[in-house]
PDB file of N, CA and C in Angstrom:
ATOM      1  N   UNK A   1      86.576  60.330 -87.774  1.00  0.00           N
ATOM      2  CA  UNK A   1      85.494  60.900 -88.811  1.00  0.00           C
ATOM      3  C   UNK A   1      86.448  63.136 -88.920  1.00  0.00           C
ATOM      4  N   UNK A   2      86.155  62.657 -90.627  1.00  0.00           N
ATOM      5  CA  UNK A   2      86.539  63.864 -91.051  1.00  0.00           C
ATOM      6  C   UNK A   2      85.410  64.883 -91.111  1.00  0.00           C
ATOM      7  N   UNK A   3      85.204  65.882 -89.888  1.00  0.00           N
ATOM      8  CA  UNK A   3      84.215  66.639 -89.753  1.00  0.00           C
ATOM      9  C   UNK A   3      83.641  67.376 -91.104  1.00  0.00           C
ATOM     10  N   UNK A   4      85.461  68.020 -91.892  1.00  0.00           N
ATOM     11  CA  UNK A   4      84.781  68.085 -92.994  1.00  0.00           C
ATOM     12  C   UNK A   4      83.570  68.022 -93.946  1.00  0.00           C
ATOM     13  N   UNK A   5      83.838  66.470 -93.637  1.00  0.00           N
ATOM     14  CA  UNK A   5      82.754  65.936 -95.046  1.00  0.00           C
ATOM     15  C   UNK A   5      81.749  66.525 -94.198  1.00  0.00           C
ATOM     16  N   UNK A   6      81.232  66.274 -93.100  1.00  0.00           N
ATOM     17  CA  UNK A   6      79.936  65.830 -92.421  1.00  0.00           C
ATOM     18  C   UNK A   6      79.552  67.014 -92.538  1.00  0.00           C
ATOM     19  N   UNK A   7      80.489  68.401 -92.400  1.00  0.00           N
ATOM     20  CA  UNK A   7      80.117  69.848 -92.952  1.00  0.00           C
ATOM     21  C   UNK A   7      79.312  69.946 -95.288  1.00  0.00           C
ATOM     22  N   UNK A   8      79.681  69.530 -95.436  1.00  0.00           N
ATOM     23  CA  UNK A   8      80.058  69.574 -96.632  1.00  0.00           C
ATOM     24  C   UNK A   8      78.092  69.039 -96.662  1.00  0.00           C
ATOM     25  N   UNK A   9      77.977  67.458 -95.999  1.00  0.00           N
ATOM     26  CA  UNK A   9      76.283  67.409 -96.459  1.00  0.00           C
ATOM     27  C   UNK A   9      75.164  68.220 -95.542  1.00  0.00           C
ATOM     28  N   UNK A  10      75.377  69.011 -94.709  1.00  0.00           N
ATOM     29  CA  UNK A  10      74.615  69.983 -93.631  1.00  0.00           C
ATOM     30  C   UNK A  10      74.292  71.527 -93.760  1.00  0.00           C
ATOM     31  N   UNK A  11      75.891  71.412 -95.081  1.00  0.00           N
ATOM     32  CA  UNK A  11      76.260  72.929 -94.502  1.00  0.00           C
ATOM     33  C   UNK A  11      74.723  73.868 -95.061  1.00  0.00           C
ATOM     34  N   UNK A  12      74.372  73.620 -96.144  1.00  0.00           N
ATOM     35  CA  UNK A  12      73.164  74.386 -96.578  1.00  0.00           C
ATOM     36  C   UNK A  12      72.136  73.813 -95.354  1.00  0.00           C
ATOM     37  N   UNK A  13      72.496  73.063 -94.747  1.00  0.00           N
ATOM     38  CA  UNK A  13      70.710  72.884 -93.922  1.00  0.00           C
ATOM     39  C   UNK A  13      71.116  73.914 -92.009  1.00  0.00           C
ATOM     40  N   UNK A  14      72.451  74.264 -91.879  1.00  0.00           N
ATOM     41  CA  UNK A  14      73.132  74.376 -91.420  1.00  0.00           C
ATOM     42  C   UNK A  14      72.743  76.639 -91.396  1.00  0.00           C
ATOM     43  N   UNK A  15      72.856  77.176 -92.815  1.00  0.00           N
ATOM     44  CA  UNK A  15      73.103  78.018 -93.196  1.00  0.00           C
ATOM     45  C   UNK A  15      71.439  78.152 -92.874  1.00  0.00           C
ATOM     46  N   UNK A  16      70.593  77.921 -93.650  1.00  0.00           N
ATOM     47  CA  UNK A  16      69.175  78.365 -93.385  1.00  0.00           C
ATOM     48  C   UNK A  16      68.622  78.025 -92.019  1.00  0.00           C
ATOM     49  N   UNK A  17      68.979  77.363 -91.237  1.00  0.00           N
ATOM     50  CA  UNK A  17      68.590  77.519 -89.391  1.00  0.00           C
ATOM     51  C   UNK A  17      69.227  78.623 -88.397  1.00  0.00           C
ATOM     52  N   UNK A  18      70.504  78.435 -89.872  1.00  0.00           N
ATOM     53  CA  UNK A  18      71.021  80.530 -88.333  1.00  0.00           C
ATOM     54  C   UNK A  18      69.616  81.754 -88.957  1.00  0.00           C
ATOM     55  N   UNK A  19      69.639  81.433 -90.411  1.00  0.00           N
ATOM     56  CA  UNK A  19      68.465  82.379 -90.877  1.00  0.00           C
ATOM     57  C   UNK A  19      67.257  82.408 -90.511  1.00  0.00           C
ATOM     58  N   UNK A  20      67.325  81.219 -89.568  1.00  0.00           N
ATOM     59  CA  UNK A  20      64.953  81.223 -89.840  1.00  0.00           C
ATOM     60  C   UNK A  20      64.847  82.363 -88.524  1.00  0.00           C
ATOM     61  N   UNK A  21      65.789  82.928 -88.067  1.00  0.00           N
ATOM     62  CA  UNK A  21      64.940  83.893 -86.896  1.00  0.00           C
ATOM     63  C   UNK A  21      64.940  85.715 -87.343  1.00  0.00           C
ATOM     64  N   UNK A  22      66.556  84.699 -88.016  1.00  0.00           N
ATOM     65  CA  UNK A  22      67.525  86.412 -88.377  1.00  0.00           C
ATOM     66  C   UNK A  22      67.980  86.792 -89.499  1.00  0.00           C
ATOM     67  N   UNK A  23      67.929  87.572 -90.292  1.00  0.00           N
ATOM     68  CA  UNK A  23      68.386  88.041 -91.718  1.00  0.00           C
ATOM     69  C   UNK A  23      70.491  88.438 -91.216  1.00  0.00           C
ATOM     70  N   UNK A  24      71.191  87.799 -91.967  1.00  0.00           N
ATOM     71  CA  UNK A  24      72.299  87.997 -91.532  1.00  0.00           C
ATOM     72  C   UNK A  24      72.940  88.665 -92.295  1.00  0.00           C
ATOM     73  N   UNK A  25      74.432  89.302 -92.419  1.00  0.00           N
ATOM     74  CA  UNK A  25      75.173  88.960 -93.784  1.00  0.00           C
ATOM     75  C   UNK A  25      77.074  88.148 -94.106  1.00  0.00           C
ATOM     76  N   UNK A  26      76.970  88.378 -94.480  1.00  0.00           N
ATOM     77  CA  UNK A  26      78.221  86.474 -95.056  1.00  0.00           C
ATOM     78  C   UNK A  26      79.394  86.373 -93.222  1.00  0.00           C
ATOM     79  N   UNK A  27      79.834  87.396 -92.850  1.00  0.00           N
ATOM     80  CA  UNK A  27      80.495  86.912 -92.021  1.00  0.00           C
ATOM     81  C   UNK A  27      79.861  86.949 -90.599  1.00  0.00           C
ATOM     82  N   UNK A  28      78.386  87.458 -90.456  1.00  0.00           N
ATOM     83  CA  UNK A  28      77.693  87.874 -89.836  1.00  0.00           C
ATOM     84  C   UNK A  28      76.863  86.414 -89.622  1.00  0.00           C
ATOM     85  N   UNK A  29      77.080  85.520 -91.007  1.00  0.00           N
ATOM     86  CA  UNK A  29      76.354  83.728 -90.711  1.00  0.00           C
ATOM     87  C   UNK A  29      77.883  83.172 -90.564  1.00  0.00           C
ATOM     88  N   UNK A  30      78.955  83.637 -90.579  1.00  0.00           N
ATOM     89  CA  UNK A  30      80.313  82.576 -90.465  1.00  0.00           C
ATOM     90  C   UNK A  30      79.856  82.454 -88.745  1.00  0.00           C
ATOM     91  N   UNK A  31      79.632  83.557 -88.444  1.00  0.00           N
ATOM     92  CA  UNK A  31      80.482  83.741 -86.828  1.00  0.00           C
ATOM     93  C   UNK A  31      79.557  82.928 -85.962  1.00  0.00           C
ATOM     94  N   UNK A  32      77.685  83.244 -86.321  1.00  0.00           N
ATOM     95  CA  UNK A  32      76.943  81.984 -85.989  1.00  0.00           C
ATOM     96  C   UNK A  32      77.052  80.733 -86.240  1.00  0.00           C
ATOM     97  N   UNK A  33      77.382  80.904 -87.680  1.00  0.00           N
ATOM     98  CA  UNK A  33      77.459  79.523 -87.481  1.00  0.00           C
ATOM     99  C   UNK A  33      78.368  78.437 -86.357  1.00  0.00           C
ATOM    100  N   UNK A  34      79.622  79.401 -86.759  1.00  0.00           N
ATOM    101  CA  UNK A  34      80.958  79.270 -85.207  1.00  0.00           C
ATOM    102  C   UNK A  34      80.732  79.326 -83.802  1.00  0.00           C
ATOM    103  N   UNK A  35      79.579  80.254 -83.509  1.00  0.00           N
ATOM    104  CA  UNK A  35      79.131  79.528 -81.959  1.00  0.00           C
ATOM    105  C   UNK A  35      78.657  79.253 -81.639  1.00  0.00           C
ATOM    106  N   UNK A  36      77.937  78.422 -82.996  1.00  0.00           N
ATOM    107  CA  UNK A  36      76.573  76.826 -82.771  1.00  0.00           C
ATOM    108  C   UNK A  36      77.717  76.336 -82.920  1.00  0.00           C
ATOM    109  N   UNK A  37      78.739  76.005 -83.093  1.00  0.00           N
ATOM    110  CA  UNK A  37      79.387  74.610 -82.823  1.00  0.00           C
ATOM    111  C   UNK A  37      80.198  74.344 -84.009  1.00  0.00           C
ATOM    112  N   UNK A  38      80.372  74.919 -84.374  1.00  0.00           N
ATOM    113  CA  UNK A  38      81.149  74.047 -86.392  1.00  0.00           C
ATOM    114  C   UNK A  38      81.687  74.906 -86.042  1.00  0.00           C
ATOM    115  N   UNK A  39      82.920  75.571 -85.941  1.00  0.00           N
ATOM    116  CA  UNK A  39      84.261  75.996 -85.478  1.00  0.00           C
ATOM    117  C   UNK A  39      84.752  75.348 -87.043  1.00  0.00           C
ATOM    118  N   UNK A  40      84.534  74.237 -87.768  1.00  0.00           N
ATOM    119  CA  UNK A  40      85.732  74.293 -88.924  1.00  0.00           C
ATOM    120  C   UNK A  40      84.898  74.516 -90.350  1.00  0.00           C
ATOM    121  N   UNK A  41      83.886  75.159 -90.162  1.00  0.00           N
ATOM    122  CA  UNK A  41      83.991  76.495 -91.175  1.00  0.00           C
ATOM    123  C   UNK A  41      84.206  76.819 -91.532  1.00  0.00           C
ATOM    124  N   UNK A  42      84.867  76.583 -93.057  1.00  0.00           N
ATOM    125  CA  UNK A  42      84.821  77.809 -93.988  1.00  0.00           C
ATOM    126  C   UNK A  42      84.761  79.094 -94.484  1.00  0.00           C
ATOM    127  N   UNK A  43      85.183  79.427 -94.424  1.00  0.00           N
ATOM    128  CA  UNK A  43      84.773  80.712 -95.142  1.00  0.00           C
ATOM    129  C   UNK A  43      84.586  80.829 -95.893  1.00  0.00           C
ATOM    130  N   UNK A  44      84.744  80.610 -97.065  1.00  0.00           N
ATOM    131  CA  UNK A  44      84.953  80.351 -99.038  1.00  0.00           C
ATOM    132  C   UNK A  44      83.412  79.445 -98.996  1.00  0.00           C
ATOM    133  N   UNK A  45      83.062  78.431 -97.972  1.00  0.00           N
ATOM    134  CA  UNK A  45      82.202  77.004 -97.775  1.00  0.00           C
ATOM    135  C   UNK A  45      80.613  78.047 -97.713  1.00  0.00           C
ATOM    136  N   UNK A  46      81.011  78.725 -96.752  1.00  0.00           N
ATOM    137  CA  UNK A  46      79.570  79.484 -96.005  1.00  0.00           C
ATOM    138  C   UNK A  46      79.555  80.676 -97.352  1.00  0.00           C
ATOM    139  N   UNK A  47      80.264  81.628 -98.164  1.00  0.00           N
ATOM    140  CA  UNK A  47      79.891  81.844 -99.125  1.00  0.00           C
ATOM    141  C   UNK A  47      79.312  81.519-100.069  1.00  0.00           C
ATOM    142  N   UNK A  48      79.975  80.758-100.303  1.00  0.00           N
ATOM    143  CA  UNK A  48      79.753  79.474-101.550  1.00  0.00           C
ATOM    144  C   UNK A  48      77.947  79.503-101.057  1.00  0.00           C
ATOM    145  N   UNK A  49      78.058  78.745-100.067  1.00  0.00           N
ATOM    146  CA  UNK A  49      76.873  78.698 -99.637  1.00  0.00           C
ATOM    147  C   UNK A  49      75.361  79.252 -99.807  1.00  0.00           C
ATOM    148  N   UNK A  50      76.013  80.505 -99.881  1.00  0.00           N
ATOM    149  CA  UNK A  50      75.055  81.565 -99.362  1.00  0.00           C
ATOM    150  C   UNK A  50      73.953  81.878-101.455  1.00  0.00           C
ATOM    151  N   UNK A  51      75.733  81.879-101.890  1.00  0.00           N
ATOM    152  CA  UNK A  51      75.787  81.789-103.670  1.00  0.00           C
ATOM    153  C   UNK A  51      74.293  80.950-104.136  1.00  0.00           C
ATOM    154  N   UNK A  52      74.907  79.706-103.205  1.00  0.00           N
ATOM    155  CA  UNK A  52      74.017  78.644-104.191  1.00  0.00           C
ATOM    156  C   UNK A  52      72.570  78.971-104.065  1.00  0.00           C
ATOM    157  N   UNK A  53      72.253  78.655-102.344  1.00  0.00           N
ATOM    158  CA  UNK A  53      71.234  78.767-102.066  1.00  0.00           C
ATOM    159  C   UNK A  53      70.280  80.285-102.488  1.00  0.00           C
ATOM    160  N   UNK A  54      70.826  81.326-102.564  1.00  0.00           N
ATOM    161  CA  UNK A  54      70.276  82.923-103.497  1.00  0.00           C
ATOM    162  C   UNK A  54      70.019  82.147-105.035  1.00  0.00           C
ATOM    163  N   UNK A  55      70.977  81.549-105.977  1.00  0.00           N
ATOM    164  CA  UNK A  55      69.518  81.432-107.058  1.00  0.00           C
ATOM    165  C   UNK A  55      69.371  80.240-107.365  1.00  0.00           C
ATOM    166  N   UNK A  56      69.694  79.243-106.405  1.00  0.00           N
ATOM    167  CA  UNK A  56      68.353  78.405-106.315  1.00  0.00           C
ATOM    168  C   UNK A  56      66.869  78.721-105.916  1.00  0.00           C
ATOM    169  N   UNK A  57      66.472  80.850-105.021  1.00  0.00           N
ATOM    170  CA  UNK A  57      65.263  80.551-104.740  1.00  0.00           C
ATOM    171  C   UNK A  57      64.431  80.460-103.646  1.00  0.00           C
ATOM    172  N   UNK A  58      65.996  80.369-102.612  1.00  0.00           N
ATOM    173  CA  UNK A  58      66.132  79.847-101.560  1.00  0.00           C
ATOM    174  C   UNK A  58      66.286  81.847-100.719  1.00  0.00           C
ATOM    175  N   UNK A  59      66.745  81.911-100.399  1.00  0.00           N
ATOM    176  CA  UNK A  59      67.215  83.769 -99.785  1.00  0.00           C
ATOM    177  C   UNK A  59      67.032  84.545-100.619  1.00  0.00           C
ATOM    178  N   UNK A  60      66.213  85.682-100.555  1.00  0.00           N
ATOM    179  CA  UNK A  60      66.510  87.264-100.474  1.00  0.00           C
ATOM    180  C   UNK A  60      67.843  88.024-100.810  1.00  0.00           C
ATOM    181  N   UNK A  61      67.913  88.834-100.319  1.00  0.00           N
ATOM    182  CA  UNK A  61      69.690  89.817-100.803  1.00  0.00           C
ATOM    183  C   UNK A  61      68.780  91.782-100.518  1.00  0.00           C
ATOM    184  N   UNK A  62      69.199  92.218 -99.633  1.00  0.00           N
ATOM    185  CA  UNK A  62      69.092  93.464 -99.140  1.00  0.00           C
ATOM    186  C   UNK A  62      70.724  93.943 -98.785  1.00  0.00           C
ATOM    187  N   UNK A  63      70.372  95.291 -99.518  1.00  0.00           N
ATOM    188  CA  UNK A  63      71.713  95.645 -98.586  1.00  0.00           C
ATOM    189  C   UNK A  63      71.609  96.789 -97.763  1.00  0.00           C
ATOM    190  N   UNK A  64      72.508  96.687 -97.120  1.00  0.00           N
ATOM    191  CA  UNK A  64      72.595  98.030 -95.653  1.00  0.00           C
ATOM    192  C   UNK A  64      73.302  98.281 -95.474  1.00  0.00           C
ATOM    193  N   UNK A  65      73.564  99.801 -96.361  1.00  0.00           N
ATOM    194  CA  UNK A  65      74.809 101.182 -95.697  1.00  0.00           C
ATOM    195  C   UNK A  65      75.232 100.899 -94.377  1.00  0.00           C
ATOM    196  N   UNK A  66      76.643 100.619 -95.115  1.00  0.00           N
ATOM    197  CA  UNK A  66      77.354 100.884 -93.225  1.00  0.00           C
ATOM    198  C   UNK A  66      78.395 102.241 -93.392  1.00  0.00           C
ATOM    199  N   UNK A  67      78.498 102.531 -91.960  1.00  0.00           N
ATOM    200  CA  UNK A  67      78.952 103.968 -91.623  1.00  0.00           C
ATOM    201  C   UNK A  67      80.921 104.181 -91.699  1.00  0.00           C
ATOM    202  N   UNK A  68      81.289 102.378 -91.387  1.00  0.00           N
ATOM    203  CA  UNK A  68      82.078 101.618 -91.352  1.00  0.00           C
ATOM    204  C   UNK A  68      83.526 101.174 -92.343  1.00  0.00           C
ATOM    205  N   UNK A  69      82.395 100.960 -92.962  1.00  0.00           N
ATOM    206  CA  UNK A  69      83.125 100.002 -94.366  1.00  0.00           C
ATOM    207  C   UNK A  69      82.101 100.427 -95.444  1.00  0.00           C
ATOM    208  N   UNK A  70      81.966  99.020 -96.569  1.00  0.00           N
ATOM    209  CA  UNK A  70      81.814  98.754 -97.248  1.00  0.00           C
ATOM    210  C   UNK A  70      80.647  98.377 -97.161  1.00  0.00           C
ATOM    211  N   UNK A  71      78.778  98.764 -97.637  1.00  0.00           N
ATOM    212  CA  UNK A  71      78.411  97.966 -97.820  1.00  0.00           C
ATOM    213  C   UNK A  71      77.804  96.960 -97.587  1.00  0.00           C
ATOM    214  N   UNK A  72      76.729  95.809 -97.064  1.00  0.00           N
ATOM    215  CA  UNK A  72      76.411  95.308 -96.548  1.00  0.00           C
ATOM    216  C   UNK A  72      75.134  94.133 -97.027  1.00  0.00           C
ATOM    217  N   UNK A  73      75.600  93.096 -97.615  1.00  0.00           N
ATOM    218  CA  UNK A  73      74.723  92.150 -98.541  1.00  0.00           C
ATOM    219  C   UNK A  73      74.144  91.056 -96.606  1.00  0.00           C
ATOM    220  N   UNK A  74      73.266  91.942 -97.335  1.00  0.00           N
ATOM    221  CA  UNK A  74      72.159  90.406 -96.122  1.00  0.00           C
ATOM    222  C   UNK A  74      71.340  89.672 -96.869  1.00  0.00           C
ATOM    223  N   UNK A  75      70.780  88.244 -96.091  1.00  0.00           N
ATOM    224  CA  UNK A  75      70.144  86.974 -96.625  1.00  0.00           C
ATOM    225  C   UNK A  75      69.412  87.151 -95.536  1.00  0.00           C
ATOM    226  N   UNK A  76      67.984  86.506 -96.285  1.00  0.00           N
ATOM    227  CA  UNK A  76      67.175  86.748 -95.259  1.00  0.00           C
ATOM    228  C   UNK A  76      66.120  84.960 -95.961  1.00  0.00           C
ATOM    229  N   UNK A  77      65.931  84.386 -95.255  1.00  0.00           N
ATOM    230  CA  UNK A  77      64.636  83.061 -95.725  1.00  0.00           C
ATOM    231  C   UNK A  77      63.863  83.687 -96.738  1.00  0.00           C
ATOM    232  N   UNK A  78      62.895  83.700 -97.993  1.00  0.00           N
ATOM    233  CA  UNK A  78      62.581  83.509 -97.649  1.00  0.00           C
ATOM    234  C   UNK A  78      61.362  82.547 -97.831  1.00  0.00           C
ATOM    235  N   UNK A  79      59.621  82.427 -98.578  1.00  0.00           N
ATOM    236  CA  UNK A  79      58.975  80.633 -97.928  1.00  0.00           C
ATOM    237  C   UNK A  79      59.395  79.525 -98.587  1.00  0.00           C
ATOM    238  N   UNK A  80      60.189  79.839-100.188  1.00  0.00           N
ATOM    239  CA  UNK A  80      60.400  79.022-100.660  1.00  0.00           C
ATOM    240  C   UNK A  80      61.552  77.850 -99.744  1.00  0.00           C
ATOM    241  N   UNK A  81      62.409  79.530 -98.944  1.00  0.00           N
ATOM    242  CA  UNK A  81      63.584  79.254 -98.423  1.00  0.00           C
ATOM    243  C   UNK A  81      62.876  78.151 -97.022  1.00  0.00           C
ATOM    244  N   UNK A  82      61.693  79.064 -95.819  1.00  0.00           N
ATOM    245  CA  UNK A  82      61.874  78.289 -94.939  1.00  0.00           C
ATOM    246  C   UNK A  82      60.607  76.644 -95.589  1.00  0.00           C
ATOM    247  N   UNK A  83      60.285  76.455 -96.347  1.00  0.00           N
ATOM    248  CA  UNK A  83      60.045  75.567 -96.838  1.00  0.00           C
ATOM    249  C   UNK A  83      61.164  74.878 -96.650  1.00  0.00           C
ATOM    250  N   UNK A  84      61.800  74.648 -97.365  1.00  0.00           N
ATOM    251  CA  UNK A  84      63.206  73.907 -97.864  1.00  0.00           C
ATOM    252  C   UNK A  84      63.478  73.486 -95.671  1.00  0.00           C
ATOM    253  N   UNK A  85      64.265  74.122 -95.409  1.00  0.00           N
ATOM    254  CA  UNK A  85      64.517  74.079 -94.187  1.00  0.00           C
ATOM    255  C   UNK A  85      63.782  73.196 -93.640  1.00  0.00           C
ATOM    256  N   UNK A  86      61.573  73.138 -93.427  1.00  0.00           N
ATOM    257  CA  UNK A  86      61.460  72.305 -93.123  1.00  0.00           C
ATOM    258  C   UNK A  86      60.860  70.990 -93.282  1.00  0.00           C
ATOM    259  N   UNK A  87      61.477  71.012 -94.560  1.00  0.00           N
ATOM    260  CA  UNK A  87      62.117  69.827 -95.106  1.00  0.00           C
ATOM    261  C   UNK A  87      62.863  68.917 -95.040  1.00  0.00           C
ATOM    262  N   UNK A  88      64.464  69.141 -94.577  1.00  0.00           N
ATOM    263  CA  UNK A  88      65.486  68.722 -94.788  1.00  0.00           C
ATOM    264  C   UNK A  88      65.635  68.734 -92.999  1.00  0.00           C
ATOM    265  N   UNK A  89      65.102  69.654 -92.516  1.00  0.00           N
ATOM    266  CA  UNK A  89      64.899  69.635 -91.121  1.00  0.00           C
ATOM    267  C   UNK A  89      64.627  68.661 -90.623  1.00  0.00           C
ATOM    268  N   UNK A  90      63.384  68.091 -91.000  1.00  0.00           N
ATOM    269  CA  UNK A  90      62.403  66.326 -91.427  1.00  0.00           C
ATOM    270  C   UNK A  90      63.494  65.364 -91.586  1.00  0.00           C
ATOM    271  N   UNK A  91      64.054  65.591 -92.869  1.00  0.00           N
ATOM    272  CA  UNK A  91      65.073  64.314 -93.427  1.00  0.00           C
ATOM    273  C   UNK A  91      65.902  64.162 -92.383  1.00  0.00           C
ATOM    274  N   UNK A  92      67.235  65.824 -91.488  1.00  0.00           N
ATOM    275  CA  UNK A  92      68.060  65.718 -91.031  1.00  0.00           C
ATOM    276  C   UNK A  92      67.587  64.170 -89.115  1.00  0.00           C
ATOM    277  N   UNK A  93      66.705  65.044 -88.950  1.00  0.00           N
ATOM    278  CA  UNK A  93      65.624  64.194 -87.691  1.00  0.00           C
ATOM    279  C   UNK A  93      65.726  62.730 -88.224  1.00  0.00           C
ATOM    280  N   UNK A  94      64.668  62.463 -89.037  1.00  0.00           N
ATOM    281  CA  UNK A  94      64.891  61.313 -88.791  1.00  0.00           C
ATOM    282  C   UNK A  94      66.488  59.784 -89.486  1.00  0.00           C
ATOM    283  N   UNK A  95      67.246  61.092 -90.145  1.00  0.00           N
ATOM    284  CA  UNK A  95      68.509  60.601 -90.598  1.00  0.00           C
ATOM    285  C   UNK A  95      69.330  60.314 -89.100  1.00  0.00           C
ATOM    286  N   UNK A  96      69.272  61.527 -88.283  1.00  0.00           N
ATOM    287  CA  UNK A  96      70.352  61.994 -87.032  1.00  0.00           C
ATOM    288  C   UNK A  96      69.475  60.546 -86.460  1.00  0.00           C
ATOM    289  N   UNK A  97      68.282  59.963 -85.852  1.00  0.00           N
ATOM    290  CA  UNK A  97      67.704  59.174 -84.714  1.00  0.00           C
ATOM    291  C   UNK A  97      67.893  57.670 -85.717  1.00  0.00           C
ATOM    292  N   UNK A  98      68.271  57.527 -86.746  1.00  0.00           N
ATOM    293  CA  UNK A  98      68.621  56.456 -87.037  1.00  0.00           C
ATOM    294  C   UNK A  98      69.655  55.794 -86.796  1.00  0.00           C
ATOM    295  N   UNK A  99      70.751  57.048 -86.976  1.00  0.00           N
ATOM    296  CA  UNK A  99      72.810  56.138 -86.341  1.00  0.00           C
ATOM    297  C   UNK A  99      72.165  56.729 -85.028  1.00  0.00           C
ATOM    298  N   UNK A 100      71.193  57.534 -84.723  1.00  0.00           N
ATOM    299  CA  UNK A 100      71.905  57.136 -82.877  1.00  0.00           C
ATOM    300  C   UNK A 100      71.183  55.791 -82.700  1.00  0.00           C
ATOM    301  N   UNK A 101      70.224  55.567 -83.399  1.00  0.00           N
ATOM    302  CA  UNK A 101      69.219  53.807 -82.527  1.00  0.00           C
ATOM    303  C   UNK A 101      70.989  52.986 -82.768  1.00  0.00           C
ATOM    304  N   UNK A 102      71.553  53.059 -84.080  1.00  0.00           N
ATOM    305  CA  UNK A 102      72.504  52.423 -84.847  1.00  0.00           C
ATOM    306  C   UNK A 102      73.398  52.137 -83.949  1.00  0.00           C
ATOM    307  N   UNK A 103      73.827  53.378 -83.371  1.00  0.00           N
ATOM    308  CA  UNK A 103      75.320  53.279 -82.711  1.00  0.00           C
ATOM    309  C   UNK A 103      75.153  53.162 -81.218  1.00  0.00           C
ATOM    310  N   UNK A 104      74.476  53.507 -81.039  1.00  0.00           N
ATOM    311  CA  UNK A 104      73.377  52.467 -79.783  1.00  0.00           C
ATOM    312  C   UNK A 104      72.842  51.146 -79.790  1.00  0.00           C
ATOM    313  N   UNK A 105      73.057  50.380 -80.692  1.00  0.00           N
ATOM    314  CA  UNK A 105      72.757  48.925 -81.064  1.00  0.00           C
ATOM    315  C   UNK A 105      74.530  48.081 -81.196  1.00  0.00           C
ATOM    316  N   UNK A 106      75.187  49.107 -81.620  1.00  0.00           N
ATOM    317  CA  UNK A 106      76.232  48.415 -81.627  1.00  0.00           C
ATOM    318  C   UNK A 106      77.262  49.147 -80.721  1.00  0.00           C
ATOM    319  N   UNK A 107      76.053  49.851 -79.697  1.00  0.00           N
ATOM    320  CA  UNK A 107      77.756  50.000 -78.402  1.00  0.00           C
ATOM    321  C   UNK A 107      78.686  51.016 -78.644  1.00  0.00           C
ATOM    322  N   UNK A 108      78.777  51.910 -79.763  1.00  0.00           N
ATOM    323  CA  UNK A 108      78.942  53.009 -80.281  1.00  0.00           C
ATOM    324  C   UNK A 108      79.013  54.122 -79.982  1.00  0.00           C
ATOM    325  N   UNK A 109      77.820  54.940 -79.163  1.00  0.00           N
ATOM    326  CA  UNK A 109      77.380  55.587 -78.291  1.00  0.00           C
ATOM    327  C   UNK A 109      78.731  56.112 -77.306  1.00  0.00           C
ATOM    328  N   UNK A 110      79.144  57.245 -76.942  1.00  0.00           N
ATOM    329  CA  UNK A 110      79.413  57.354 -76.314  1.00  0.00           C
ATOM    330  C   UNK A 110      79.203  57.703 -74.824  1.00  0.00           C
TER     331      UNK A 110
END
């Protein structure tokens, strides 16, 4: 199965989840996603997702000066983003449960 196709469907949820407990800037969010096991996620995909989630009103941004380079734009979940994370997380868990049951029934689960 092509992991990149799966990532396209869940990247919004993954980014919202990464920002649940701690704000982050683009590269930091990318690093945290990769450390969580999404090694194949691309830079451009994450930055595009951040722009899209911000435009949708799910994230807020603020700039933090940096002594060692350009200022960094941090992203944080706002109330709408937290609501979306809760709704999407519930949907994902239901979907994953269904898929687990299907795989177990067919003997395809590892």
